[in-house]
Amino acid sequence: MNPKHINILVTIPREDASRYYKNLTAHKDLHVQIVTDTSSALEALANREPRIDVLVLSQTLSNAFDLVEEVRETHPRLLIIMVDEQADFALPGQADEITTEPFTNDDLVRRINRLMSDRQLETLRADTMPAVREFAKHLRSAVGEYGKADAAVSALRALGFDYVAFYRIETLTPLTVTLKVQQGETALQMAAPLEAAPDDIIGAVAKSGQTRSTGAHDSITHPLVARGKLGSVACVPVGMTTRYGVLVGGKMSGAITKDQVLVMELISAQFAASVYKDAG
């Protein structure tokens, strides 16, 4: 996941400003503000527009550690990355992360994106917890493999997908992935493939174990998207190490959001865990 519009406050020595600006603004999703002392950083943080997501702070600045301690009290949700380019190894202390080579292999940007992705997932888990808890309740009372699959499909359908299906992986060599449970308009169910093809999105996810989304203009797509019956589809694997199946969620119009895909993955993980538990 690569979150969009991340507001970053970079607090570094003046002589480093151009280097940080050049490297960070090369990433269009990062909105960068640079200050060169800790008092200016506090002023920027006090201004709520735009809200700062990440503070990047050089350890070489005087009062750097005092700043971290203060903003931990005043801005508890702020993500903090310390920069210590003088050390081969360093610990973040009260910061969330530390980088000793911020621009080697985009280390700083990768750490920013990872922290933001973790934060987004944390928020998503909180927002979707009622739906996930409800699904867990249905799973406990569901009987057998198809009862659990039907519970997973119903949970996703209730979250706003126009079409949802579960395909079970029978064999990977040769690839055999068959439709077991589906919900949606009758016309969509009638047109849905009974078996995945090696070159469609269901077959691709079954083989790779990696989540994929597709729209009308993608080369690897879903038959219902290719025929214009759905605008977009996302597929998530059920089971990672032991691949058990694929959950499919489709929408007639509009793209499927990253948050919706994450919900699919949460439900898929619960579904897989329940099936494996029953199987011993």
C-alpha atoms as a PDB file:
ATOM      1  CA  MET A   1       0.000   0.000   0.000  1.00  0.00           C
ATOM      2  CA  ASN A   2       1.223   3.409  -0.773  1.00  0.00           C
ATOM      3  CA  PRO A   3      -0.928   6.017   1.034  1.00  0.00           C
ATOM      4  CA  LYS A   4      -1.664   9.244  -0.896  1.00  0.00           C
ATOM      5  CA  HIS A   5      -1.071  12.829   0.250  1.00  0.00           C
ATOM      6  CA  ILE A   6       1.265  12.255   3.176  1.00  0.00           C
ATOM      7  CA  ASN A   7       2.148  15.559   4.841  1.00  0.00           C
ATOM      8  CA  ILE A   8       5.735  15.494   6.087  1.00  0.00           C
ATOM      9  CA  LEU A   9       7.496  18.029   8.274  1.00  0.00           C
ATOM     10  CA  VAL A  10      11.263  17.720   7.812  1.00  0.00           C
ATOM     11  CA  THR A  11      13.364  19.320  10.539  1.00  0.00           C
ATOM     12  CA  ILE A  12      17.021  19.316   9.537  1.00  0.00           C
ATOM     13  CA  PRO A  13      20.130  21.553   9.459  1.00  0.00           C
ATOM     14  CA  ARG A  14      19.966  24.322   6.854  1.00  0.00           C
ATOM     15  CA  GLU A  15      22.842  22.855   4.836  1.00  0.00           C
ATOM     16  CA  ASP A  16      20.868  19.639   4.267  1.00  0.00           C
ATOM     17  CA  ALA A  17      17.627  21.301   3.149  1.00  0.00           C
ATOM     18  CA  SER A  18      18.172  21.159  -0.615  1.00  0.00           C
ATOM     19  CA  ARG A  19      19.207  17.499  -0.490  1.00  0.00           C
ATOM     20  CA  TYR A  20      16.075  16.491   1.420  1.00  0.00           C
ATOM     21  CA  TYR A  21      13.810  18.630  -0.735  1.00  0.00           C
ATOM     22  CA  LYS A  22      15.194  17.144  -3.964  1.00  0.00           C
ATOM     23  CA  ASN A  23      14.905  13.545  -2.819  1.00  0.00           C
ATOM     24  CA  LEU A  24      11.507  13.700  -1.111  1.00  0.00           C
ATOM     25  CA  THR A  25       9.632  15.875  -3.632  1.00  0.00           C
ATOM     26  CA  ALA A  26      10.519  13.350  -6.335  1.00  0.00           C
ATOM     27  CA  HIS A  27       7.689  11.293  -4.799  1.00  0.00           C
ATOM     28  CA  LYS A  28       4.430  12.985  -5.823  1.00  0.00           C
ATOM     29  CA  ASP A  29       2.407  11.559  -2.939  1.00  0.00           C
ATOM     30  CA  LEU A  30       4.644  13.296  -0.368  1.00  0.00           C
ATOM     31  CA  HIS A  31       3.823  16.888   0.568  1.00  0.00           C
ATOM     32  CA  VAL A  32       7.032  18.243   2.101  1.00  0.00           C
ATOM     33  CA  GLN A  33       7.558  21.183   4.443  1.00  0.00           C
ATOM     34  CA  ILE A  34      11.119  21.890   5.602  1.00  0.00           C
ATOM     35  CA  VAL A  35      12.226  23.813   8.678  1.00  0.00           C
ATOM     36  CA  THR A  36      15.724  24.145  10.084  1.00  0.00           C
ATOM     37  CA  ASP A  37      15.235  24.365  13.861  1.00  0.00           C
ATOM     38  CA  THR A  38      13.061  22.804  16.537  1.00  0.00           C
ATOM     39  CA  SER A  39      11.178  26.007  17.422  1.00  0.00           C
ATOM     40  CA  SER A  40      10.018  26.320  13.799  1.00  0.00           C
ATOM     41  CA  ALA A  41       8.955  22.679  13.921  1.00  0.00           C
ATOM     42  CA  LEU A  42       6.751  23.385  16.947  1.00  0.00           C
ATOM     43  CA  GLU A  43       5.171  26.346  15.152  1.00  0.00           C
ATOM     44  CA  ALA A  44       4.418  24.214  12.100  1.00  0.00           C
ATOM     45  CA  LEU A  45       2.901  21.460  14.243  1.00  0.00           C
ATOM     46  CA  ALA A  46       0.726  24.000  16.062  1.00  0.00           C
ATOM     47  CA  ASN A  47      -0.786  25.007  12.708  1.00  0.00           C
ATOM     48  CA  ARG A  48      -3.445  22.341  12.140  1.00  0.00           C
ATOM     49  CA  GLU A  49      -3.758  23.026   8.395  1.00  0.00           C
ATOM     50  CA  PRO A  50      -2.435  20.941   6.847  1.00  0.00           C
ATOM     51  CA  ARG A  51      -2.238  18.289   9.546  1.00  0.00           C
ATOM     52  CA  ILE A  52       1.264  16.832   9.720  1.00  0.00           C
ATOM     53  CA  ASP A  53       1.362  13.029   9.359  1.00  0.00           C
ATOM     54  CA  VAL A  54       5.090  12.399   9.773  1.00  0.00           C
ATOM     55  CA  LEU A  55       7.887  14.340  11.463  1.00  0.00           C
ATOM     56  CA  VAL A  56      11.348  13.623  10.035  1.00  0.00           C
ATOM     57  CA  LEU A  57      13.908  14.935  12.504  1.00  0.00           C
ATOM     58  CA  SER A  58      17.704  15.101  12.336  1.00  0.00           C
ATOM     59  CA  GLN A  59      19.418  13.935  15.487  1.00  0.00           C
ATOM     60  CA  THR A  60      22.173  16.517  14.922  1.00  0.00           C
ATOM     61  CA  LEU A  61      19.878  19.437  15.771  1.00  0.00           C
ATOM     62  CA  SER A  62      20.098  20.837  19.264  1.00  0.00           C
ATOM     63  CA  ASN A  63      17.076  19.944  21.399  1.00  0.00           C
ATOM     64  CA  ALA A  64      16.059  17.169  18.960  1.00  0.00           C
ATOM     65  CA  PHE A  65      15.326  14.707  21.763  1.00  0.00           C
ATOM     66  CA  ASP A  66      13.498  17.377  23.775  1.00  0.00           C
ATOM     67  CA  LEU A  67      11.304  18.007  20.723  1.00  0.00           C
ATOM     68  CA  VAL A  68      10.434  14.317  20.466  1.00  0.00           C
ATOM     69  CA  GLU A  69       9.506  14.187  24.133  1.00  0.00           C
ATOM     70  CA  GLU A  70       7.331  17.303  23.839  1.00  0.00           C
ATOM     71  CA  VAL A  71       5.422  16.304  20.695  1.00  0.00           C
ATOM     72  CA  ARG A  72       4.783  12.844  22.131  1.00  0.00           C
ATOM     73  CA  GLU A  73       2.659  14.672  24.719  1.00  0.00           C
ATOM     74  CA  THR A  74       1.012  17.216  22.419  1.00  0.00           C
ATOM     75  CA  HIS A  75       0.657  15.128  19.228  1.00  0.00           C
ATOM     76  CA  PRO A  76       0.339  11.481  20.301  1.00  0.00           C
ATOM     77  CA  ARG A  77      -0.716  10.295  16.816  1.00  0.00           C
ATOM     78  CA  LEU A  78       2.226  11.938  15.037  1.00  0.00           C
ATOM     79  CA  LEU A  79       4.651   9.485  13.428  1.00  0.00           C
ATOM     80  CA  ILE A  80       8.307  10.366  14.082  1.00  0.00           C
ATOM     81  CA  ILE A  81      11.349   9.222  12.133  1.00  0.00           C
ATOM     82  CA  MET A  82      14.784  10.175  13.473  1.00  0.00           C
ATOM     83  CA  VAL A  83      17.706  10.602  11.084  1.00  0.00           C
ATOM     84  CA  ASP A  84      21.186   9.686  12.329  1.00  0.00           C
ATOM     85  CA  GLU A  85      23.534   9.648   9.343  1.00  0.00           C
ATOM     86  CA  GLN A  86      26.592   9.565  11.585  1.00  0.00           C
ATOM     87  CA  ALA A  87      25.829   6.112  12.969  1.00  0.00           C
ATOM     88  CA  ASP A  88      26.058   2.693  11.352  1.00  0.00           C
ATOM     89  CA  PHE A  89      23.452   1.442  13.804  1.00  0.00           C
ATOM     90  CA  ALA A  90      21.095   3.411  16.007  1.00  0.00           C
ATOM     91  CA  LEU A  91      17.947   2.884  18.068  1.00  0.00           C
ATOM     92  CA  PRO A  92      14.868   5.063  17.577  1.00  0.00           C
ATOM     93  CA  GLY A  93      14.351   5.811  21.272  1.00  0.00           C
ATOM     94  CA  GLN A  94      10.969   7.529  21.600  1.00  0.00           C
ATOM     95  CA  ALA A  95      10.668   7.891  17.832  1.00  0.00           C
ATOM     96  CA  ASP A  96       8.769   5.345  15.733  1.00  0.00           C
ATOM     97  CA  GLU A  97      11.652   4.669  13.355  1.00  0.00           C
ATOM     98  CA  ILE A  98      15.237   5.673  12.650  1.00  0.00           C
ATOM     99  CA  THR A  99      17.210   5.797   9.422  1.00  0.00           C
ATOM    100  CA  THR A 100      20.984   6.012   9.117  1.00  0.00           C
ATOM    101  CA  GLU A 101      20.982   6.142   5.304  1.00  0.00           C
ATOM    102  CA  PRO A 102      17.831   8.073   4.369  1.00  0.00           C
ATOM    103  CA  PHE A 103      18.434   8.175   0.624  1.00  0.00           C
ATOM    104  CA  THR A 104      20.056   4.792   0.021  1.00  0.00           C
ATOM    105  CA  ASN A 105      17.467   2.689  -1.804  1.00  0.00           C
ATOM    106  CA  ASP A 106      14.852   5.271  -0.747  1.00  0.00           C
ATOM    107  CA  ASP A 107      15.167   4.071   2.842  1.00  0.00           C
ATOM    108  CA  LEU A 108      13.436   7.116   4.344  1.00  0.00           C
ATOM    109  CA  VAL A 109      10.529   6.995   1.895  1.00  0.00           C
ATOM    110  CA  ARG A 110      10.064   3.259   2.444  1.00  0.00           C
ATOM    111  CA  ARG A 111       9.929   3.802   6.211  1.00  0.00           C
ATOM    112  CA  ILE A 112       7.403   6.621   5.799  1.00  0.00           C
ATOM    113  CA  ASN A 113       5.172   4.482   3.600  1.00  0.00           C
ATOM    114  CA  ARG A 114       5.403   1.496   5.929  1.00  0.00           C
ATOM    115  CA  LEU A 115       4.484   3.530   9.006  1.00  0.00           C
ATOM    116  CA  MET A 116       1.569   5.152   7.173  1.00  0.00           C
ATOM    117  CA  SER A 117       0.366   1.793   5.871  1.00  0.00           C
ATOM    118  CA  ASP A 118       0.475   0.348   9.387  1.00  0.00           C
ATOM    119  CA  ARG A 119      -1.458   3.359  10.688  1.00  0.00           C
ATOM    120  CA  GLN A 120      -4.057   3.023   7.931  1.00  0.00           C
ATOM    121  CA  LEU A 121      -4.500  -0.671   8.682  1.00  0.00           C
ATOM    122  CA  GLU A 122      -4.814   0.101  12.393  1.00  0.00           C
ATOM    123  CA  THR A 123      -7.551   2.642  11.611  1.00  0.00           C
ATOM    124  CA  LEU A 124      -9.264   0.255   9.235  1.00  0.00           C
ATOM    125  CA  ARG A 125      -9.305  -2.497  11.839  1.00  0.00           C
ATOM    126  CA  ALA A 126     -10.988  -0.129  14.292  1.00  0.00           C
ATOM    127  CA  ASP A 127     -13.526   1.114  11.714  1.00  0.00           C
ATOM    128  CA  THR A 128     -14.442  -2.351  10.484  1.00  0.00           C
ATOM    129  CA  MET A 129     -14.310  -4.173  13.805  1.00  0.00           C
ATOM    130  CA  PRO A 130     -18.117  -4.446  14.170  1.00  0.00           C
ATOM    131  CA  ALA A 131     -18.397  -6.084  10.732  1.00  0.00           C
ATOM    132  CA  VAL A 132     -15.425  -8.356  11.418  1.00  0.00           C
ATOM    133  CA  ARG A 133     -16.837  -9.361  14.807  1.00  0.00           C
ATOM    134  CA  GLU A 134     -20.208 -10.104  13.202  1.00  0.00           C
ATOM    135  CA  PHE A 135     -18.499 -12.284  10.607  1.00  0.00           C
ATOM    136  CA  ALA A 136     -16.567 -14.107  13.345  1.00  0.00           C
ATOM    137  CA  LYS A 137     -19.870 -14.842  15.082  1.00  0.00           C
ATOM    138  CA  HIS A 138     -21.356 -16.296  11.888  1.00  0.00           C
ATOM    139  CA  LEU A 139     -18.205 -18.357  11.326  1.00  0.00           C
ATOM    140  CA  ARG A 140     -18.536 -19.988  14.730  1.00  0.00           C
ATOM    141  CA  SER A 141     -22.059 -21.153  13.912  1.00  0.00           C
ATOM    142  CA  ALA A 142     -21.385 -22.032  10.251  1.00  0.00           C
ATOM    143  CA  VAL A 143     -21.379 -25.737   9.506  1.00  0.00           C
ATOM    144  CA  GLY A 144     -18.798 -27.261   7.174  1.00  0.00           C
ATOM    145  CA  GLU A 145     -16.655 -25.837   4.422  1.00  0.00           C
ATOM    146  CA  TYR A 146     -19.520 -24.438   2.364  1.00  0.00           C
ATOM    147  CA  GLY A 147     -21.244 -22.960   5.394  1.00  0.00           C
ATOM    148  CA  LYS A 148     -18.081 -21.011   6.187  1.00  0.00           C
ATOM    149  CA  ALA A 149     -17.639 -19.973   2.540  1.00  0.00           C
ATOM    150  CA  ASP A 150     -21.237 -18.758   2.435  1.00  0.00           C
ATOM    151  CA  ALA A 151     -20.661 -16.743   5.636  1.00  0.00           C
ATOM    152  CA  ALA A 152     -17.584 -15.080   4.098  1.00  0.00           C
ATOM    153  CA  VAL A 153     -19.419 -14.274   0.872  1.00  0.00           C
ATOM    154  CA  SER A 154     -22.417 -12.885   2.786  1.00  0.00           C
ATOM    155  CA  ALA A 155     -20.164 -10.691   4.935  1.00  0.00           C
ATOM    156  CA  LEU A 156     -18.558  -9.105   1.885  1.00  0.00           C
ATOM    157  CA  ARG A 157     -21.878  -8.682   0.112  1.00  0.00           C
ATOM    158  CA  ALA A 158     -23.187  -6.810   3.156  1.00  0.00           C
ATOM    159  CA  LEU A 159     -20.244  -4.404   2.911  1.00  0.00           C
ATOM    160  CA  GLY A 160     -21.418  -3.054  -0.445  1.00  0.00           C
ATOM    161  CA  PHE A 161     -20.078  -5.387  -3.131  1.00  0.00           C
ATOM    162  CA  ASP A 162     -22.513  -6.005  -6.000  1.00  0.00           C
ATOM    163  CA  TYR A 163     -21.139  -9.483  -6.612  1.00  0.00           C
ATOM    164  CA  VAL A 164     -19.122 -11.822  -4.377  1.00  0.00           C
ATOM    165  CA  ALA A 165     -17.907 -15.367  -4.996  1.00  0.00           C
ATOM    166  CA  PHE A 166     -15.667 -18.005  -3.498  1.00  0.00           C
ATOM    167  CA  TYR A 167     -13.586 -20.240  -5.772  1.00  0.00           C
ATOM    168  CA  ARG A 168     -11.960 -23.311  -4.289  1.00  0.00           C
ATOM    169  CA  ILE A 169      -8.502 -24.402  -5.450  1.00  0.00           C
ATOM    170  CA  GLU A 170      -8.732 -28.100  -6.324  1.00  0.00           C
ATOM    171  CA  THR A 171      -5.214 -28.429  -7.774  1.00  0.00           C
ATOM    172  CA  LEU A 172      -2.426 -26.025  -8.682  1.00  0.00           C
ATOM    173  CA  THR A 173      -0.750 -28.321 -11.240  1.00  0.00           C
ATOM    174  CA  PRO A 174      -2.657 -28.350 -13.459  1.00  0.00           C
ATOM    175  CA  LEU A 175      -4.573 -25.310 -12.225  1.00  0.00           C
ATOM    176  CA  THR A 176      -8.149 -26.218 -11.299  1.00  0.00           C
ATOM    177  CA  VAL A 177     -10.141 -23.561  -9.443  1.00  0.00           C
ATOM    178  CA  THR A 178     -13.916 -24.016  -9.265  1.00  0.00           C
ATOM    179  CA  LEU A 179     -16.826 -21.812  -8.225  1.00  0.00           C
ATOM    180  CA  LYS A 180     -18.437 -22.960  -4.974  1.00  0.00           C
ATOM    181  CA  VAL A 181     -20.482 -20.053  -3.574  1.00  0.00           C
ATOM    182  CA  GLN A 182     -21.666 -16.784  -5.106  1.00  0.00           C
ATOM    183  CA  GLN A 183     -24.098 -13.964  -4.366  1.00  0.00           C
ATOM    184  CA  GLY A 184     -25.335 -11.082  -6.494  1.00  0.00           C
ATOM    185  CA  GLU A 185     -27.884 -10.338  -9.178  1.00  0.00           C
ATOM    186  CA  THR A 186     -29.131 -13.411 -11.004  1.00  0.00           C
ATOM    187  CA  ALA A 187     -27.719 -12.148 -14.308  1.00  0.00           C
ATOM    188  CA  LEU A 188     -24.254 -11.856 -12.768  1.00  0.00           C
ATOM    189  CA  GLN A 189     -24.443 -15.314 -11.243  1.00  0.00           C
ATOM    190  CA  MET A 190     -25.544 -16.813 -14.554  1.00  0.00           C
ATOM    191  CA  ALA A 191     -22.653 -15.156 -16.398  1.00  0.00           C
ATOM    192  CA  ALA A 192     -19.942 -15.948 -13.848  1.00  0.00           C
ATOM    193  CA  PRO A 193     -17.361 -18.566 -14.883  1.00  0.00           C
ATOM    194  CA  LEU A 194     -17.730 -21.946 -13.211  1.00  0.00           C
ATOM    195  CA  GLU A 195     -13.962 -22.433 -13.345  1.00  0.00           C
ATOM    196  CA  ALA A 196     -11.058 -20.000 -13.323  1.00  0.00           C
ATOM    197  CA  ALA A 197      -8.829 -19.717 -16.360  1.00  0.00           C
ATOM    198  CA  PRO A 198      -5.027 -19.636 -15.970  1.00  0.00           C
ATOM    199  CA  ASP A 199      -4.905 -16.159 -17.527  1.00  0.00           C
ATOM    200  CA  ASP A 200      -7.756 -14.473 -15.638  1.00  0.00           C
ATOM    201  CA  ILE A 201      -7.474 -12.676 -12.308  1.00  0.00           C
ATOM    202  CA  ILE A 202      -8.854 -15.606 -10.300  1.00  0.00           C
ATOM    203  CA  GLY A 203      -6.276 -17.986 -11.739  1.00  0.00           C
ATOM    204  CA  ALA A 204      -3.502 -15.409 -11.234  1.00  0.00           C
ATOM    205  CA  VAL A 205      -4.345 -14.983  -7.539  1.00  0.00           C
ATOM    206  CA  ALA A 206      -4.684 -18.748  -7.059  1.00  0.00           C
ATOM    207  CA  LYS A 207      -1.179 -19.273  -8.473  1.00  0.00           C
ATOM    208  CA  SER A 208       0.598 -16.318  -6.846  1.00  0.00           C
ATOM    209  CA  GLY A 209      -1.177 -16.085  -3.498  1.00  0.00           C
ATOM    210  CA  GLN A 210      -1.140 -12.296  -3.977  1.00  0.00           C
ATOM    211  CA  THR A 211      -4.149  -9.957  -3.885  1.00  0.00           C
ATOM    212  CA  ARG A 212      -5.022  -8.281  -7.194  1.00  0.00           C
ATOM    213  CA  SER A 213      -7.561  -5.718  -8.396  1.00  0.00           C
ATOM    214  CA  THR A 214      -8.641  -5.185 -11.974  1.00  0.00           C
ATOM    215  CA  GLY A 215     -10.666  -2.823 -14.138  1.00  0.00           C
ATOM    216  CA  ALA A 216     -11.889  -2.735 -17.710  1.00  0.00           C
ATOM    217  CA  HIS A 217      -8.530  -1.708 -19.183  1.00  0.00           C
ATOM    218  CA  ASP A 218      -6.252  -4.157 -17.371  1.00  0.00           C
ATOM    219  CA  SER A 219      -4.674  -7.025 -19.274  1.00  0.00           C
ATOM    220  CA  ILE A 220      -5.414  -9.599 -16.571  1.00  0.00           C
ATOM    221  CA  THR A 221      -9.077  -9.221 -15.734  1.00  0.00           C
ATOM    222  CA  HIS A 222     -12.246 -11.001 -14.658  1.00  0.00           C
ATOM    223  CA  PRO A 223     -14.693 -12.347 -17.263  1.00  0.00           C
ATOM    224  CA  LEU A 224     -17.532 -10.240 -15.817  1.00  0.00           C
ATOM    225  CA  VAL A 225     -15.374  -7.118 -16.160  1.00  0.00           C
ATOM    226  CA  ALA A 226     -14.276  -8.084 -19.676  1.00  0.00           C
ATOM    227  CA  ARG A 227     -17.953  -8.398 -20.704  1.00  0.00           C
ATOM    228  CA  GLY A 228     -18.878  -5.049 -19.180  1.00  0.00           C
ATOM    229  CA  LYS A 229     -21.098  -6.534 -16.466  1.00  0.00           C
ATOM    230  CA  LEU A 230     -18.861  -5.316 -13.606  1.00  0.00           C
ATOM    231  CA  GLY A 231     -16.724  -2.195 -13.521  1.00  0.00           C
ATOM    232  CA  SER A 232     -14.038  -3.588 -11.212  1.00  0.00           C
ATOM    233  CA  VAL A 233     -13.127  -6.725  -9.304  1.00  0.00           C
ATOM    234  CA  ALA A 234     -10.719  -7.534  -6.485  1.00  0.00           C
ATOM    235  CA  CYS A 235      -9.514 -11.044  -5.665  1.00  0.00           C
ATOM    236  CA  VAL A 236      -7.811 -12.091  -2.436  1.00  0.00           C
ATOM    237  CA  PRO A 237      -6.301 -15.483  -1.627  1.00  0.00           C
ATOM    238  CA  VAL A 238      -7.854 -17.664   1.057  1.00  0.00           C
ATOM    239  CA  GLY A 239      -4.813 -19.180   2.742  1.00  0.00           C
ATOM    240  CA  MET A 240      -1.281 -18.021   2.043  1.00  0.00           C
ATOM    241  CA  THR A 241       1.157 -20.905   2.609  1.00  0.00           C
ATOM    242  CA  THR A 242      -1.503 -23.518   1.930  1.00  0.00           C
ATOM    243  CA  ARG A 243      -3.649 -22.004  -0.805  1.00  0.00           C
ATOM    244  CA  TYR A 244      -7.227 -22.957  -0.297  1.00  0.00           C
ATOM    245  CA  GLY A 245      -9.225 -20.661  -2.526  1.00  0.00           C
ATOM    246  CA  VAL A 246      -9.937 -17.155  -3.812  1.00  0.00           C
ATOM    247  CA  LEU A 247     -12.538 -14.636  -2.653  1.00  0.00           C
ATOM    248  CA  VAL A 248     -13.867 -12.377  -5.412  1.00  0.00           C
ATOM    249  CA  GLY A 249     -15.547  -9.015  -4.798  1.00  0.00           C
ATOM    250  CA  GLY A 250     -17.008  -6.964  -7.643  1.00  0.00           C
ATOM    251  CA  LYS A 251     -18.629  -3.553  -8.123  1.00  0.00           C
ATOM    252  CA  MET A 252     -20.772  -2.499 -11.064  1.00  0.00           C
ATOM    253  CA  SER A 253     -19.408   1.061 -11.116  1.00  0.00           C
ATOM    254  CA  GLY A 254     -16.441   2.783  -9.527  1.00  0.00           C
ATOM    255  CA  ALA A 255     -13.112   1.419  -8.424  1.00  0.00           C
ATOM    256  CA  ILE A 256     -12.699  -0.832  -5.408  1.00  0.00           C
ATOM    257  CA  THR A 257     -10.864   1.115  -2.703  1.00  0.00           C
ATOM    258  CA  LYS A 258      -7.780  -0.018  -0.828  1.00  0.00           C
ATOM    259  CA  ASP A 259      -9.815  -0.060   2.376  1.00  0.00           C
ATOM    260  CA  GLN A 260     -12.341  -2.435   0.796  1.00  0.00           C
ATOM    261  CA  VAL A 261      -9.515  -4.711  -0.324  1.00  0.00           C
ATOM    262  CA  LEU A 262      -8.106  -4.714   3.207  1.00  0.00           C
ATOM    263  CA  VAL A 263     -11.522  -5.716   4.556  1.00  0.00           C
ATOM    264  CA  MET A 264     -11.562  -8.574   2.056  1.00  0.00           C
ATOM    265  CA  GLU A 265      -8.147  -9.689   3.289  1.00  0.00           C
ATOM    266  CA  LEU A 266      -9.241  -9.573   6.949  1.00  0.00           C
ATOM    267  CA  ILE A 267     -12.323 -11.688   6.239  1.00  0.00           C
ATOM    268  CA  SER A 268     -10.294 -14.041   4.052  1.00  0.00           C
ATOM    269  CA  ALA A 269      -7.760 -14.573   6.860  1.00  0.00           C
ATOM    270  CA  GLN A 270     -10.522 -15.426   9.344  1.00  0.00           C
ATOM    271  CA  PHE A 271     -12.177 -17.739   6.854  1.00  0.00           C
ATOM    272  CA  ALA A 272      -8.898 -19.606   6.179  1.00  0.00           C
ATOM    273  CA  ALA A 273      -8.076 -19.912   9.882  1.00  0.00           C
ATOM    274  CA  SER A 274     -11.486 -21.411  10.595  1.00  0.00           C
ATOM    275  CA  VAL A 275     -11.236 -23.935   7.749  1.00  0.00           C
ATOM    276  CA  TYR A 276      -7.727 -25.020   8.770  1.00  0.00           C
ATOM    277  CA  LYS A 277      -8.809 -25.362  12.400  1.00  0.00           C
ATOM    278  CA  ASP A 278     -11.621 -27.710  11.395  1.00  0.00           C
ATOM    279  CA  ALA A 279      -9.221 -29.691   9.222  1.00  0.00           C
ATOM    280  CA  GLY A 280      -6.872 -30.164  12.177  1.00  0.00           C
END
